[in-house]
Amino acid sequence: MKKTILIIIVIALSVVLSACRLDKVKFGGVRMMYGTNEAGRIAYDISTFTGIEQGEVQAETGQVILFSYLVDLDKGALFIEWQDPNGEVMWQKNIENSDQGEVDIEINSQGTHKILIRGAGAGGRFDVSWSEE
């Protein structure tokens, strides 16, 4: 009896795992074909994104950070926000279609700054990056 149950469990797991494709990963509220969240860049090709992705920047007072974004949405909306270490919003953008741009972020508070990307049923792709000027 135990052997039969074990075989059934193995078969069920095999079916579930074979249904998963390596090029599509469920990550919280993100269903993506390709994605990266690394130092200086967050980029995803997404079929559906509802949730938050976050990046961090260690910055010194007086630095100027070049922040770039490229968003191409088929559906939904994307909200991008830069916060200082105290949680104060330094820059934000709400995107419902497609948009791209660059902005200089002047650092007034030393410490860990956050880049928040919120999706509301967003589908398409986005690529945000940042580097010191």
C-alpha atoms as a PDB file:
ATOM      1  CA  MET A   1       0.000   0.000   0.000  1.00  0.00           C
ATOM      2  CA  LYS A   2       2.819   2.437   0.894  1.00  0.00           C
ATOM      3  CA  LYS A   3       4.530   1.621  -2.388  1.00  0.00           C
ATOM      4  CA  THR A   4       1.351   2.430  -4.357  1.00  0.00           C
ATOM      5  CA  ILE A   5       0.924   5.767  -2.580  1.00  0.00           C
ATOM      6  CA  LEU A   6       4.589   6.628  -3.224  1.00  0.00           C
ATOM      7  CA  ILE A   7       4.201   5.806  -6.934  1.00  0.00           C
ATOM      8  CA  ILE A   8       1.086   7.989  -7.160  1.00  0.00           C
ATOM      9  CA  ILE A   9       2.906  10.893  -5.476  1.00  0.00           C
ATOM     10  CA  VAL A  10       5.882  10.546  -7.832  1.00  0.00           C
ATOM     11  CA  ILE A  11       3.600  10.468 -10.892  1.00  0.00           C
ATOM     12  CA  ALA A  12       1.639  13.499  -9.649  1.00  0.00           C
ATOM     13  CA  LEU A  13       4.846  15.459  -9.033  1.00  0.00           C
ATOM     14  CA  SER A  14       6.148  14.488 -12.458  1.00  0.00           C
ATOM     15  CA  VAL A  15       2.983  15.771 -14.126  1.00  0.00           C
ATOM     16  CA  VAL A  16       3.068  19.043 -12.157  1.00  0.00           C
ATOM     17  CA  LEU A  17       6.772  19.630 -12.815  1.00  0.00           C
ATOM     18  CA  SER A  18       6.520  18.767 -16.502  1.00  0.00           C
ATOM     19  CA  ALA A  19       3.794  21.394 -16.857  1.00  0.00           C
ATOM     20  CA  CYS A  20       6.259  24.058 -15.661  1.00  0.00           C
ATOM     21  CA  ARG A  21       8.285  25.656 -18.409  1.00  0.00           C
ATOM     22  CA  LEU A  22      11.722  27.021 -17.632  1.00  0.00           C
ATOM     23  CA  ASP A  23      11.154  30.153 -19.725  1.00  0.00           C
ATOM     24  CA  LYS A  24       8.160  31.183 -17.620  1.00  0.00           C
ATOM     25  CA  VAL A  25       8.525  31.610 -13.895  1.00  0.00           C
ATOM     26  CA  LYS A  26       5.931  32.686 -11.383  1.00  0.00           C
ATOM     27  CA  PHE A  27       7.604  35.193  -9.042  1.00  0.00           C
ATOM     28  CA  GLY A  28       5.129  36.659  -6.585  1.00  0.00           C
ATOM     29  CA  GLY A  29       2.769  38.631  -8.811  1.00  0.00           C
ATOM     30  CA  VAL A  30       5.082  38.477 -11.806  1.00  0.00           C
ATOM     31  CA  ARG A  31       4.691  36.001 -14.633  1.00  0.00           C
ATOM     32  CA  MET A  32       7.680  36.580 -16.834  1.00  0.00           C
ATOM     33  CA  MET A  33       9.507  35.215 -19.811  1.00  0.00           C
ATOM     34  CA  TYR A  34      12.767  36.977 -18.956  1.00  0.00           C
ATOM     35  CA  GLY A  35      13.850  39.010 -15.991  1.00  0.00           C
ATOM     36  CA  THR A  36      16.737  40.447 -14.045  1.00  0.00           C
ATOM     37  CA  ASN A  37      16.989  42.299 -10.784  1.00  0.00           C
ATOM     38  CA  GLU A  38      20.650  43.072 -10.252  1.00  0.00           C
ATOM     39  CA  ALA A  39      22.777  45.971  -9.045  1.00  0.00           C
ATOM     40  CA  GLY A  40      21.964  48.935 -11.254  1.00  0.00           C
ATOM     41  CA  ARG A  41      19.137  47.369 -13.261  1.00  0.00           C
ATOM     42  CA  ILE A  42      15.676  45.831 -13.043  1.00  0.00           C
ATOM     43  CA  ALA A  43      14.227  44.523 -16.309  1.00  0.00           C
ATOM     44  CA  TYR A  44      11.396  42.129 -17.067  1.00  0.00           C
ATOM     45  CA  ASP A  45       9.425  40.886 -20.046  1.00  0.00           C
ATOM     46  CA  ILE A  46       6.086  40.137 -18.418  1.00  0.00           C
ATOM     47  CA  SER A  47       2.740  38.676 -19.326  1.00  0.00           C
ATOM     48  CA  THR A  48       1.181  39.791 -16.022  1.00  0.00           C
ATOM     49  CA  PHE A  49       2.668  41.810 -13.169  1.00  0.00           C
ATOM     50  CA  THR A  50       0.668  42.763 -10.101  1.00  0.00           C
ATOM     51  CA  GLY A  51       2.892  43.476  -7.151  1.00  0.00           C
ATOM     52  CA  ILE A  52       6.161  45.202  -6.300  1.00  0.00           C
ATOM     53  CA  GLU A  53       9.743  44.767  -7.460  1.00  0.00           C
ATOM     54  CA  GLN A  54      12.418  46.656  -5.562  1.00  0.00           C
ATOM     55  CA  GLY A  55      16.017  47.715  -6.109  1.00  0.00           C
ATOM     56  CA  GLU A  56      18.432  49.428  -3.744  1.00  0.00           C
ATOM     57  CA  VAL A  57      21.115  52.057  -4.251  1.00  0.00           C
ATOM     58  CA  GLN A  58      23.811  52.947  -1.725  1.00  0.00           C
ATOM     59  CA  ALA A  59      24.355  56.664  -2.256  1.00  0.00           C
ATOM     60  CA  GLU A  60      26.318  59.524  -0.730  1.00  0.00           C
ATOM     61  CA  THR A  61      25.061  63.061  -0.183  1.00  0.00           C
ATOM     62  CA  GLY A  62      25.931  65.202  -3.205  1.00  0.00           C
ATOM     63  CA  GLN A  63      25.986  62.341  -5.737  1.00  0.00           C
ATOM     64  CA  VAL A  64      23.954  62.619  -8.904  1.00  0.00           C
ATOM     65  CA  ILE A  65      22.459  59.355 -10.144  1.00  0.00           C
ATOM     66  CA  LEU A  66      21.289  58.992 -13.747  1.00  0.00           C
ATOM     67  CA  PHE A  67      18.032  57.040 -13.644  1.00  0.00           C
ATOM     68  CA  SER A  68      16.702  55.668 -16.955  1.00  0.00           C
ATOM     69  CA  TYR A  69      13.442  53.896 -17.710  1.00  0.00           C
ATOM     70  CA  LEU A  70      11.918  52.226 -20.752  1.00  0.00           C
ATOM     71  CA  VAL A  71       8.381  50.884 -20.463  1.00  0.00           C
ATOM     72  CA  ASP A  72       6.299  49.273 -23.217  1.00  0.00           C
ATOM     73  CA  LEU A  73       2.944  48.026 -21.895  1.00  0.00           C
ATOM     74  CA  ASP A  74       0.245  46.036 -23.676  1.00  0.00           C
ATOM     75  CA  LYS A  75      -2.075  46.197 -20.666  1.00  0.00           C
ATOM     76  CA  GLY A  76      -2.335  47.493 -17.123  1.00  0.00           C
ATOM     77  CA  ALA A  77      -0.195  50.148 -15.483  1.00  0.00           C
ATOM     78  CA  LEU A  78       3.246  50.530 -13.959  1.00  0.00           C
ATOM     79  CA  PHE A  79       4.242  52.959 -11.219  1.00  0.00           C
ATOM     80  CA  ILE A  80       7.954  53.731 -10.694  1.00  0.00           C
ATOM     81  CA  GLU A  81       9.179  55.519  -7.581  1.00  0.00           C
ATOM     82  CA  TRP A  82      12.555  56.566  -6.110  1.00  0.00           C
ATOM     83  CA  GLN A  83      12.631  56.896  -2.298  1.00  0.00           C
ATOM     84  CA  ASP A  84      15.353  58.297  -0.063  1.00  0.00           C
ATOM     85  CA  PRO A  85      16.491  56.399   3.086  1.00  0.00           C
ATOM     86  CA  ASN A  86      13.683  58.049   5.084  1.00  0.00           C
ATOM     87  CA  GLY A  87      10.999  56.824   2.656  1.00  0.00           C
ATOM     88  CA  GLU A  88      10.455  60.270   1.140  1.00  0.00           C
ATOM     89  CA  VAL A  89       9.564  60.175  -2.564  1.00  0.00           C
ATOM     90  CA  MET A  90      12.245  61.924  -4.633  1.00  0.00           C
ATOM     91  CA  TRP A  91      10.814  61.031  -8.061  1.00  0.00           C
ATOM     92  CA  GLN A  92       7.826  59.094  -9.395  1.00  0.00           C
ATOM     93  CA  LYS A  93       6.140  58.203 -12.668  1.00  0.00           C
ATOM     94  CA  ASN A  94       2.819  56.503 -13.467  1.00  0.00           C
ATOM     95  CA  ILE A  95       2.806  54.778 -16.869  1.00  0.00           C
ATOM     96  CA  GLU A  96      -0.251  53.269 -18.546  1.00  0.00           C
ATOM     97  CA  ASN A  97       1.048  52.772 -22.099  1.00  0.00           C
ATOM     98  CA  SER A  98       4.620  53.229 -23.210  1.00  0.00           C
ATOM     99  CA  ASP A  99       7.175  55.758 -22.070  1.00  0.00           C
ATOM    100  CA  GLN A 100      10.886  56.239 -21.737  1.00  0.00           C
ATOM    101  CA  GLY A 101      13.167  58.822 -20.254  1.00  0.00           C
ATOM    102  CA  GLU A 102      16.101  59.769 -18.105  1.00  0.00           C
ATOM    103  CA  VAL A 103      16.209  61.854 -14.963  1.00  0.00           C
ATOM    104  CA  ASP A 104      19.037  63.048 -12.727  1.00  0.00           C
ATOM    105  CA  ILE A 105      18.421  62.145  -9.089  1.00  0.00           C
ATOM    106  CA  GLU A 106      20.322  64.508  -6.789  1.00  0.00           C
ATOM    107  CA  ILE A 107      21.125  62.703  -3.552  1.00  0.00           C
ATOM    108  CA  ASN A 108      20.349  64.765  -0.441  1.00  0.00           C
ATOM    109  CA  SER A 109      20.426  61.928   2.115  1.00  0.00           C
ATOM    110  CA  GLN A 110      23.229  59.402   2.474  1.00  0.00           C
ATOM    111  CA  GLY A 111      22.220  55.760   2.783  1.00  0.00           C
ATOM    112  CA  THR A 112      20.108  53.130   1.072  1.00  0.00           C
ATOM    113  CA  HIS A 113      17.708  54.541  -1.503  1.00  0.00           C
ATOM    114  CA  LYS A 114      14.926  52.363  -2.928  1.00  0.00           C
ATOM    115  CA  ILE A 115      13.574  52.007  -6.429  1.00  0.00           C
ATOM    116  CA  LEU A 116      10.037  50.611  -6.300  1.00  0.00           C
ATOM    117  CA  ILE A 117       8.233  49.302  -9.363  1.00  0.00           C
ATOM    118  CA  ARG A 118       4.555  48.547  -8.789  1.00  0.00           C
ATOM    119  CA  GLY A 119       2.510  46.698 -11.349  1.00  0.00           C
ATOM    120  CA  ALA A 120      -1.263  46.722 -11.640  1.00  0.00           C
ATOM    121  CA  GLY A 121      -2.118  43.978 -14.135  1.00  0.00           C
ATOM    122  CA  ALA A 122       0.784  45.154 -16.288  1.00  0.00           C
ATOM    123  CA  GLY A 123       1.811  43.198 -19.365  1.00  0.00           C
ATOM    124  CA  GLY A 124       4.670  43.988 -21.734  1.00  0.00           C
ATOM    125  CA  ARG A 125       8.172  44.925 -20.675  1.00  0.00           C
ATOM    126  CA  PHE A 126      10.066  47.381 -18.555  1.00  0.00           C
ATOM    127  CA  ASP A 127      13.731  48.183 -18.058  1.00  0.00           C
ATOM    128  CA  VAL A 128      14.959  50.601 -15.427  1.00  0.00           C
ATOM    129  CA  SER A 129      18.614  51.288 -14.692  1.00  0.00           C
ATOM    130  CA  TRP A 130      20.701  53.671 -12.645  1.00  0.00           C
ATOM    131  CA  SER A 131      24.341  54.713 -12.484  1.00  0.00           C
ATOM    132  CA  GLU A 132      26.424  57.474 -10.963  1.00  0.00           C
ATOM    133  CA  GLU A 133      27.120  60.371 -13.319  1.00  0.00           C
END
